[in-house]
Amino acid sequence: MKPKGQRHLYALDVSAALALTTVYVGFARLTADDGQPVYTGPVWLGWLIAATVGLPIAVRRRWPLAVLASVLASLSAASLLDIPREPYVAAGLAAYLVGLAEPARRSVLALAVTLPVACGAVYLGEAVVTPAEDWRGAAGVAGLVLLVIGGAWGAGFTVRGRRSEAAREQRRRSEHALDEERLRIARELHDIVSHNLSLIAVKAGVAGHVAEADPREARAALKVIEETSRSALAEMRRTLGVLRIEGAPLGPVPDLDGLGPLAAQAHRAGVDVDLTVRATEGLTEGTRLTIYRIVQEALTNAVRHAAPTRCQVTVEADAREIRIDITDEGPPSARGQADRELSRGHGLLGMRERAMMYGGSCEAGPRPEGGFAVSVRLPAEGNR
């Protein structure tokens, strides 16, 4: 189920698609002042062009580049078939999403192809198929088309740049916060270890020195060593507890066998997990631990920010790579999504660092249809 905001945007696209289709059906049936139809081609072709101009706009958010190509081809055909021309609004709507969503190089290349094709088709339609009073009229219409498509693309590209800058700033803040946390933990560990080990070293020296001459004092020194060791261990456990994911079991090093109990634990917290693990035999212990920790962090994020929800966890490997994919359907409210956006940074950095440690990559972020996705790829070589 899509979040409310996403559903609203898709509804607007569907409405725009139906409106544009209706307008072009009307264009195909227009009559001139003498009562004769402006478009004299087959009726079915006029309806087909109307459908291929308008209907693709409904899916422009899913396939922006394909929609732009389809709409551009249909609008060019409409111009050359003498279906009355408008300033390519459908192409502008598609171009906005190309500027917003496609990679920069591909987006610029698409614009470089779109503008001359659109302007050329309109100019030919005005100046050759149905000649205007002079070439200036045809050039004016072509210029208007250029402004509509180029302006829409530019608006999308600008929004994309602002979003990218905001994302970079968020990453910088998250990395800074993570560095601060590491320094704090390092300072605490240094204090615990240096103080207690110094005391242990002194008492061990005393015990060794008086072991034969004064066994009673030696036993007292050993008692202090025992108590100090226990105290240091307890302090370190408390300090390192901030690095543990909430609800993680205390015991042996986790393995892939622990994914089932992990899913069951998430289920009890309101996340219905569909777990799939395939072809993971022969992975190294470190790789198995990394997979476990990544899945654990992703499920913890789902529990904290999206429950109740459904979550799909897939872990599979082949001769080339190890794939870890975790997707959820998202929080049940807009507030939950906002909280998730504000608090997800540190866990994602930890997952990326684990993946990079084993020569892999980690991509995470919101899904277009709603929810959140984590995708990790580790090379099989060296991890088996």
Protein backbone atom coordinates (compact mmCIF):
# COMPACT_ATOMS: atom_id res chain seq x y z
CA MET A 1 0.00 0.00 0.00
CA LYS A 2 1.42 3.39 -1.02
CA PRO A 3 1.76 6.23 1.52
CA LYS A 4 -0.90 8.94 1.32
CA GLY A 5 1.46 11.47 -0.31
CA GLN A 6 2.50 8.99 -3.01
CA ARG A 7 -1.10 8.03 -3.72
CA HIS A 8 -1.97 11.71 -4.12
CA LEU A 9 0.81 12.25 -6.68
CA TYR A 10 -0.18 9.17 -8.67
CA ALA A 11 -3.80 10.33 -8.64
CA LEU A 12 -2.73 13.70 -10.06
CA ASP A 13 -0.76 11.96 -12.81
CA VAL A 14 -3.73 9.78 -13.74
CA SER A 15 -5.98 12.84 -13.84
CA ALA A 16 -3.51 14.70 -16.06
CA ALA A 17 -3.22 11.67 -18.36
CA LEU A 18 -6.99 11.44 -18.81
CA ALA A 19 -7.30 15.19 -19.37
CA LEU A 20 -4.57 15.26 -22.03
CA THR A 21 -6.05 12.24 -23.78
CA THR A 22 -9.46 13.90 -23.85
CA VAL A 23 -7.97 17.13 -25.23
CA TYR A 24 -6.19 15.29 -28.05
CA VAL A 25 -9.30 13.31 -28.91
CA GLY A 26 -10.97 16.70 -29.31
CA PHE A 27 -8.08 17.97 -31.44
CA ALA A 28 -8.46 14.97 -33.76
CA ARG A 29 -12.14 15.87 -34.28
CA LEU A 30 -11.81 19.64 -34.76
CA THR A 31 -13.39 21.23 -37.82
CA ALA A 32 -12.25 24.27 -39.78
CA ASP A 33 -14.33 27.39 -40.47
CA ASP A 34 -15.75 25.76 -43.60
CA GLY A 35 -17.02 22.79 -41.59
CA GLN A 36 -14.39 20.38 -42.89
CA PRO A 37 -12.31 18.36 -40.38
CA VAL A 38 -8.82 19.71 -39.77
CA TYR A 39 -7.45 16.17 -39.41
CA THR A 40 -8.38 14.05 -42.41
CA GLY A 41 -6.61 10.82 -41.51
CA PRO A 42 -8.15 7.58 -40.23
CA VAL A 43 -10.27 7.97 -37.11
CA TRP A 44 -8.52 5.09 -35.37
CA LEU A 45 -5.14 6.75 -35.91
CA GLY A 46 -6.35 9.98 -34.33
CA TRP A 47 -7.61 8.09 -31.28
CA LEU A 48 -4.34 6.12 -31.08
CA ILE A 49 -2.26 9.29 -31.11
CA ALA A 50 -4.51 10.85 -28.47
CA ALA A 51 -4.03 7.80 -26.24
CA THR A 52 -0.25 7.62 -26.72
CA VAL A 53 0.12 11.35 -26.01
CA GLY A 54 -1.88 11.40 -22.78
CA LEU A 55 -2.04 7.99 -21.12
CA PRO A 56 1.73 7.47 -20.58
CA ILE A 57 1.73 10.48 -18.23
CA ALA A 58 -0.01 8.25 -15.67
CA VAL A 59 3.23 6.25 -15.22
CA ARG A 60 5.79 9.02 -15.67
CA ARG A 61 7.10 8.60 -12.10
CA ARG A 62 7.93 4.95 -12.70
CA TRP A 63 9.48 5.22 -16.19
CA PRO A 64 10.24 8.92 -16.84
CA LEU A 65 12.63 8.44 -19.77
CA ALA A 66 10.45 5.89 -21.57
CA VAL A 67 7.38 8.10 -21.08
CA LEU A 68 9.20 11.13 -22.51
CA ALA A 69 10.28 9.14 -25.59
CA SER A 70 6.77 7.79 -26.14
CA VAL A 71 5.06 11.16 -25.71
CA LEU A 72 7.62 12.92 -27.91
CA ALA A 73 7.12 10.41 -30.72
CA SER A 74 3.33 10.73 -30.52
CA LEU A 75 3.37 14.53 -30.40
CA SER A 76 5.74 14.67 -33.37
CA ALA A 77 3.40 12.38 -35.30
CA ALA A 78 0.45 14.61 -34.34
CA SER A 79 2.27 17.67 -35.69
CA LEU A 80 3.15 16.00 -38.98
CA LEU A 81 -0.38 14.56 -39.41
CA ASP A 82 -1.91 18.04 -39.05
CA ILE A 83 -3.64 17.35 -35.75
CA PRO A 84 -3.89 20.85 -34.20
CA ARG A 85 -0.77 21.66 -32.25
CA GLU A 86 -0.36 22.88 -28.67
CA PRO A 87 2.90 23.74 -26.85
CA TYR A 88 3.72 20.11 -25.95
CA VAL A 89 2.38 20.19 -22.39
CA ALA A 90 2.56 16.38 -22.15
CA ALA A 91 6.23 16.43 -23.14
CA GLY A 92 6.84 19.13 -20.53
CA LEU A 93 5.28 16.99 -17.79
CA ALA A 94 7.47 14.05 -18.81
CA ALA A 95 10.60 16.24 -19.13
CA TYR A 96 10.13 17.53 -15.56
CA LEU A 97 10.41 13.98 -14.19
CA VAL A 98 13.42 13.23 -16.40
CA GLY A 99 15.20 16.29 -14.99
CA LEU A 100 14.19 15.32 -11.46
CA ALA A 101 14.75 11.55 -11.38
CA GLU A 102 17.22 10.47 -14.07
CA PRO A 103 21.03 10.56 -13.62
CA ALA A 104 22.43 13.95 -14.66
CA ARG A 105 24.30 12.79 -17.78
CA ARG A 106 21.37 10.75 -19.07
CA SER A 107 18.98 13.58 -18.28
CA VAL A 108 21.01 16.18 -20.21
CA LEU A 109 21.37 13.80 -23.16
CA ALA A 110 17.60 13.22 -23.20
CA LEU A 111 17.00 16.98 -23.28
CA ALA A 112 19.55 17.43 -26.07
CA VAL A 113 17.62 14.91 -28.18
CA THR A 114 14.13 16.06 -27.19
CA LEU A 115 14.42 19.77 -27.97
CA PRO A 116 15.51 19.57 -31.63
CA VAL A 117 13.08 16.72 -32.35
CA ALA A 118 10.12 18.56 -30.82
CA CYS A 119 10.94 21.94 -32.32
CA GLY A 120 11.70 20.41 -35.71
CA ALA A 121 8.42 18.49 -35.79
CA VAL A 122 6.39 21.57 -34.85
CA TYR A 123 8.21 23.76 -37.37
CA LEU A 124 7.67 21.24 -40.16
CA GLY A 125 4.02 20.89 -39.21
CA GLU A 126 3.48 24.65 -39.25
CA ALA A 127 5.63 25.60 -42.22
CA VAL A 128 5.30 22.56 -44.52
CA VAL A 129 2.21 20.45 -43.73
CA THR A 130 -0.08 23.44 -43.08
CA PRO A 131 1.99 26.51 -44.04
CA ALA A 132 1.58 29.52 -41.76
CA GLU A 133 1.44 33.03 -43.09
CA ASP A 134 5.23 33.18 -42.97
CA TRP A 135 8.15 31.33 -41.44
CA ARG A 136 8.09 33.61 -38.39
CA GLY A 137 4.79 32.09 -37.22
CA ALA A 138 6.22 28.56 -37.42
CA ALA A 139 9.39 29.65 -35.62
CA GLY A 140 7.30 31.28 -32.88
CA VAL A 141 5.36 28.09 -32.19
CA ALA A 142 8.61 26.07 -32.17
CA GLY A 143 10.12 28.58 -29.73
CA LEU A 144 7.13 28.22 -27.42
CA VAL A 145 7.56 24.44 -27.45
CA LEU A 146 11.24 24.90 -26.60
CA LEU A 147 10.35 27.10 -23.62
CA VAL A 148 7.74 24.66 -22.30
CA ILE A 149 9.91 21.54 -22.51
CA GLY A 150 13.19 23.23 -21.55
CA GLY A 151 11.58 25.13 -18.69
CA ALA A 152 9.92 22.01 -17.28
CA TRP A 153 13.17 20.04 -17.50
CA GLY A 154 15.08 22.91 -15.86
CA ALA A 155 12.61 23.04 -12.98
CA GLY A 156 12.99 19.31 -12.36
CA PHE A 157 16.78 19.50 -12.58
CA THR A 158 16.85 22.38 -10.07
CA VAL A 159 14.70 20.50 -7.57
CA ARG A 160 16.98 17.48 -8.02
CA GLY A 161 20.04 19.59 -7.20
CA ARG A 162 18.45 20.98 -4.06
CA ARG A 163 17.46 17.52 -2.88
CA SER A 164 20.95 16.18 -3.55
CA GLU A 165 22.51 19.00 -1.55
CA ALA A 166 20.09 18.39 1.32
CA ALA A 167 20.98 14.67 1.25
CA ARG A 168 24.72 15.47 1.29
CA GLU A 169 24.22 17.79 4.25
CA GLN A 170 22.29 15.07 6.08
CA ARG A 171 25.12 12.59 5.41
CA ARG A 172 27.68 15.09 6.71
CA ARG A 173 25.67 15.61 9.89
CA SER A 174 25.25 11.86 10.36
CA GLU A 175 28.95 11.19 9.82
CA HIS A 176 29.85 13.96 12.26
CA ALA A 177 27.48 12.52 14.86
CA LEU A 178 28.96 9.05 14.34
CA ASP A 179 32.50 10.40 14.74
CA GLU A 180 31.49 12.14 17.96
CA GLU A 181 29.97 8.91 19.28
CA ARG A 182 33.11 6.96 18.40
CA LEU A 183 35.29 9.49 20.21
CA ARG A 184 33.07 9.35 23.28
CA ILE A 185 33.18 5.55 23.38
CA ALA A 186 36.95 5.56 22.76
CA ARG A 187 37.48 7.95 25.67
CA GLU A 188 35.34 5.85 28.00
CA LEU A 189 37.07 2.62 26.97
CA HIS A 190 40.46 4.27 27.44
CA ASP A 191 39.53 5.37 30.94
CA ILE A 192 38.19 1.95 31.89
CA VAL A 193 41.05 -0.05 30.40
CA SER A 194 43.95 2.19 31.45
CA HIS A 195 42.75 2.57 35.04
CA ASN A 196 41.88 -1.05 35.70
CA LEU A 197 44.80 -2.59 33.82
CA SER A 198 47.20 -0.33 35.69
CA LEU A 199 45.77 -1.53 38.99
CA ILE A 200 45.86 -5.16 37.85
CA ALA A 201 49.48 -4.80 36.71
CA VAL A 202 50.53 -3.32 40.07
CA LYS A 203 48.74 -5.99 42.11
CA ALA A 204 50.08 -8.76 39.88
CA GLY A 205 53.61 -7.45 40.52
CA VAL A 206 52.95 -7.39 44.27
CA ALA A 207 51.55 -10.92 44.25
CA GLY A 208 54.55 -12.23 42.35
CA HIS A 209 56.97 -10.44 44.65
CA VAL A 210 55.49 -11.66 47.96
CA ALA A 211 54.10 -15.03 46.89
CA GLU A 212 56.68 -17.01 48.88
CA ALA A 213 57.45 -14.56 51.68
CA ASP A 214 53.87 -13.50 52.48
CA PRO A 215 51.23 -15.80 50.91
CA ARG A 216 48.48 -13.94 52.76
CA GLU A 217 49.34 -10.64 51.08
CA ALA A 218 49.69 -12.43 47.74
CA ARG A 219 46.17 -13.86 48.10
CA ALA A 220 44.87 -10.39 48.95
CA ALA A 221 46.50 -8.98 45.80
CA LEU A 222 44.98 -11.76 43.70
CA LYS A 223 41.59 -10.99 45.24
CA VAL A 224 41.93 -7.36 44.18
CA ILE A 225 42.90 -8.48 40.67
CA GLU A 226 39.80 -10.68 40.50
CA GLU A 227 37.48 -7.92 41.71
CA THR A 228 39.08 -5.32 39.43
CA SER A 229 38.80 -7.62 36.42
CA ARG A 230 35.12 -8.28 37.10
CA SER A 231 34.45 -4.58 37.58
CA ALA A 232 36.29 -3.66 34.38
CA LEU A 233 34.42 -6.33 32.42
CA ALA A 234 31.07 -5.07 33.71
CA GLU A 235 31.96 -1.46 32.84
CA MET A 236 33.08 -2.43 29.34
CA ARG A 237 29.87 -4.36 28.78
CA ARG A 238 27.83 -1.33 29.81
CA THR A 239 29.87 0.96 27.58
CA LEU A 240 29.78 -1.33 24.58
CA GLY A 241 26.06 -1.78 25.12
CA VAL A 242 25.48 1.47 23.24
CA LEU A 243 26.87 -0.26 20.15
CA ARG A 244 24.49 -3.17 20.43
CA ILE A 245 21.20 -3.14 18.60
CA GLU A 246 18.23 -3.10 20.93
CA GLY A 247 17.06 -6.61 21.80
CA ALA A 248 20.20 -8.37 20.53
CA PRO A 249 20.84 -11.66 22.35
CA LEU A 250 23.80 -12.06 24.69
CA GLY A 251 25.71 -15.19 23.84
CA PRO A 252 27.89 -16.70 21.10
CA VAL A 253 28.71 -14.80 17.92
CA PRO A 254 25.48 -14.64 15.86
CA ASP A 255 25.24 -16.66 12.67
CA LEU A 256 22.75 -17.01 9.82
CA ASP A 257 20.94 -19.58 11.94
CA GLY A 258 19.95 -16.65 14.13
CA LEU A 259 18.01 -14.91 11.35
CA GLY A 260 14.93 -17.00 12.08
CA PRO A 261 14.78 -16.02 15.77
CA LEU A 262 15.54 -12.44 14.71
CA ALA A 263 12.52 -12.48 12.39
CA ALA A 264 10.38 -13.99 15.16
CA GLN A 265 11.51 -11.26 17.54
CA ALA A 266 10.56 -8.59 14.97
CA HIS A 267 7.19 -10.30 14.50
CA ARG A 268 6.48 -9.99 18.21
CA ALA A 269 7.23 -6.27 17.89
CA GLY A 270 4.72 -5.78 15.06
CA VAL A 271 6.74 -6.44 11.88
CA ASP A 272 5.56 -9.41 9.82
CA VAL A 273 8.80 -10.73 8.27
CA ASP A 274 8.99 -12.89 5.15
CA LEU A 275 12.50 -14.42 5.39
CA THR A 276 14.25 -16.15 2.48
CA VAL A 277 17.81 -17.53 2.80
CA ARG A 278 19.30 -19.40 -0.18
CA ALA A 279 22.68 -20.86 -1.20
CA THR A 280 24.67 -19.41 1.71
CA GLU A 281 26.73 -22.52 2.43
CA GLY A 282 30.48 -21.99 2.71
CA LEU A 283 30.45 -18.32 3.72
CA THR A 284 33.18 -17.24 6.12
CA GLU A 285 32.32 -16.60 9.76
CA GLY A 286 32.95 -12.87 9.38
CA THR A 287 30.69 -12.66 6.34
CA ARG A 288 27.90 -14.52 8.14
CA LEU A 289 28.21 -12.16 11.11
CA THR A 290 28.10 -9.14 8.78
CA ILE A 291 24.94 -10.44 7.09
CA TYR A 292 23.34 -11.03 10.48
CA ARG A 293 24.19 -7.54 11.74
CA ILE A 294 22.91 -5.85 8.58
CA VAL A 295 19.61 -7.72 8.72
CA GLN A 296 19.39 -7.02 12.44
CA GLU A 297 19.87 -3.28 11.95
CA ALA A 298 17.35 -3.13 9.09
CA LEU A 299 14.72 -5.01 11.10
CA THR A 300 15.38 -2.84 14.13
CA ASN A 301 14.79 0.26 11.99
CA ALA A 302 11.55 -1.26 10.72
CA VAL A 303 10.42 -2.02 14.28
CA ARG A 304 11.33 1.45 15.52
CA HIS A 305 9.99 3.51 12.64
CA ALA A 306 7.49 1.49 10.60
CA ALA A 307 5.69 -1.05 12.82
CA PRO A 308 3.13 -2.39 12.33
CA THR A 309 4.21 -3.28 8.80
CA ARG A 310 5.36 -6.09 6.53
CA CYS A 311 9.00 -6.71 5.70
CA GLN A 312 10.67 -8.87 3.04
CA VAL A 313 14.19 -10.15 3.85
CA THR A 314 16.14 -12.02 1.16
CA VAL A 315 19.68 -13.36 1.59
CA GLU A 316 21.13 -15.30 -1.33
CA ALA A 317 24.51 -16.01 -2.87
CA ASP A 318 25.95 -17.30 -6.12
CA ALA A 319 29.42 -17.67 -7.58
CA ARG A 320 29.68 -13.93 -8.23
CA GLU A 321 28.12 -12.07 -5.30
CA ILE A 322 26.16 -12.21 -2.06
CA ARG A 323 22.88 -10.26 -2.09
CA ILE A 324 21.04 -8.94 0.96
CA ASP A 325 17.75 -7.14 0.31
CA ILE A 326 15.41 -5.86 3.02
CA THR A 327 12.26 -3.93 2.10
CA ASP A 328 9.32 -2.83 4.19
CA GLU A 329 5.99 -1.24 3.34
CA GLY A 330 6.60 1.83 5.45
CA PRO A 331 5.09 3.43 8.53
CA PRO A 332 1.32 3.64 8.86
CA SER A 333 1.37 7.43 9.24
CA ALA A 334 3.09 10.47 7.75
CA ARG A 335 4.46 11.27 11.23
CA GLY A 336 6.13 7.87 11.35
CA GLN A 337 7.82 8.54 8.02
CA ALA A 338 9.03 11.94 9.23
CA ASP A 339 10.50 10.39 12.40
CA ARG A 340 12.18 7.76 10.30
CA GLU A 341 13.79 10.35 8.01
CA LEU A 342 15.19 12.21 11.03
CA SER A 343 16.65 9.23 12.88
CA ARG A 344 17.84 6.68 10.33
CA GLY A 345 21.34 8.05 9.66
CA HIS A 346 23.61 6.31 12.18
CA GLY A 347 22.38 2.77 11.52
CA LEU A 348 22.77 3.20 7.77
CA LEU A 349 26.34 4.39 8.18
CA GLY A 350 27.09 1.31 10.26
CA MET A 351 25.64 -0.97 7.57
CA ARG A 352 27.64 0.79 4.85
CA GLU A 353 30.85 0.43 6.86
CA ARG A 354 30.24 -3.29 7.37
CA ALA A 355 29.61 -3.76 3.65
CA MET A 356 32.71 -1.76 2.67
CA MET A 357 34.82 -3.81 5.11
CA TYR A 358 34.08 -6.87 2.97
CA GLY A 359 34.54 -5.11 -0.38
CA GLY A 360 30.85 -4.53 -0.99
CA SER A 361 28.32 -1.73 -1.19
CA CYS A 362 25.14 -0.72 0.62
CA GLU A 363 22.30 1.37 -0.79
CA ALA A 364 19.37 2.43 1.36
CA GLY A 365 16.51 4.84 1.04
CA PRO A 366 12.77 5.31 0.58
CA ARG A 367 11.00 3.35 -2.16
CA PRO A 368 8.97 5.22 -4.83
CA GLU A 369 5.90 3.16 -3.98
CA GLY A 370 6.34 3.73 -0.23
CA GLY A 371 8.35 2.13 2.53
CA PHE A 372 12.10 1.70 2.85
CA ALA A 373 14.65 -0.53 1.14
CA VAL A 374 18.17 -1.69 2.02
CA SER A 375 20.22 -3.40 -0.69
CA VAL A 376 23.68 -4.80 0.10
CA ARG A 377 26.05 -6.48 -2.36
CA LEU A 378 29.18 -8.35 -1.23
CA PRO A 379 31.62 -10.01 -3.62
CA ALA A 380 31.66 -13.79 -3.29
CA GLU A 381 35.43 -13.88 -3.83
CA GLY A 382 37.20 -13.76 -0.47
CA ASN A 383 33.98 -14.19 1.51
CA ARG A 384 33.62 -17.94 1.02
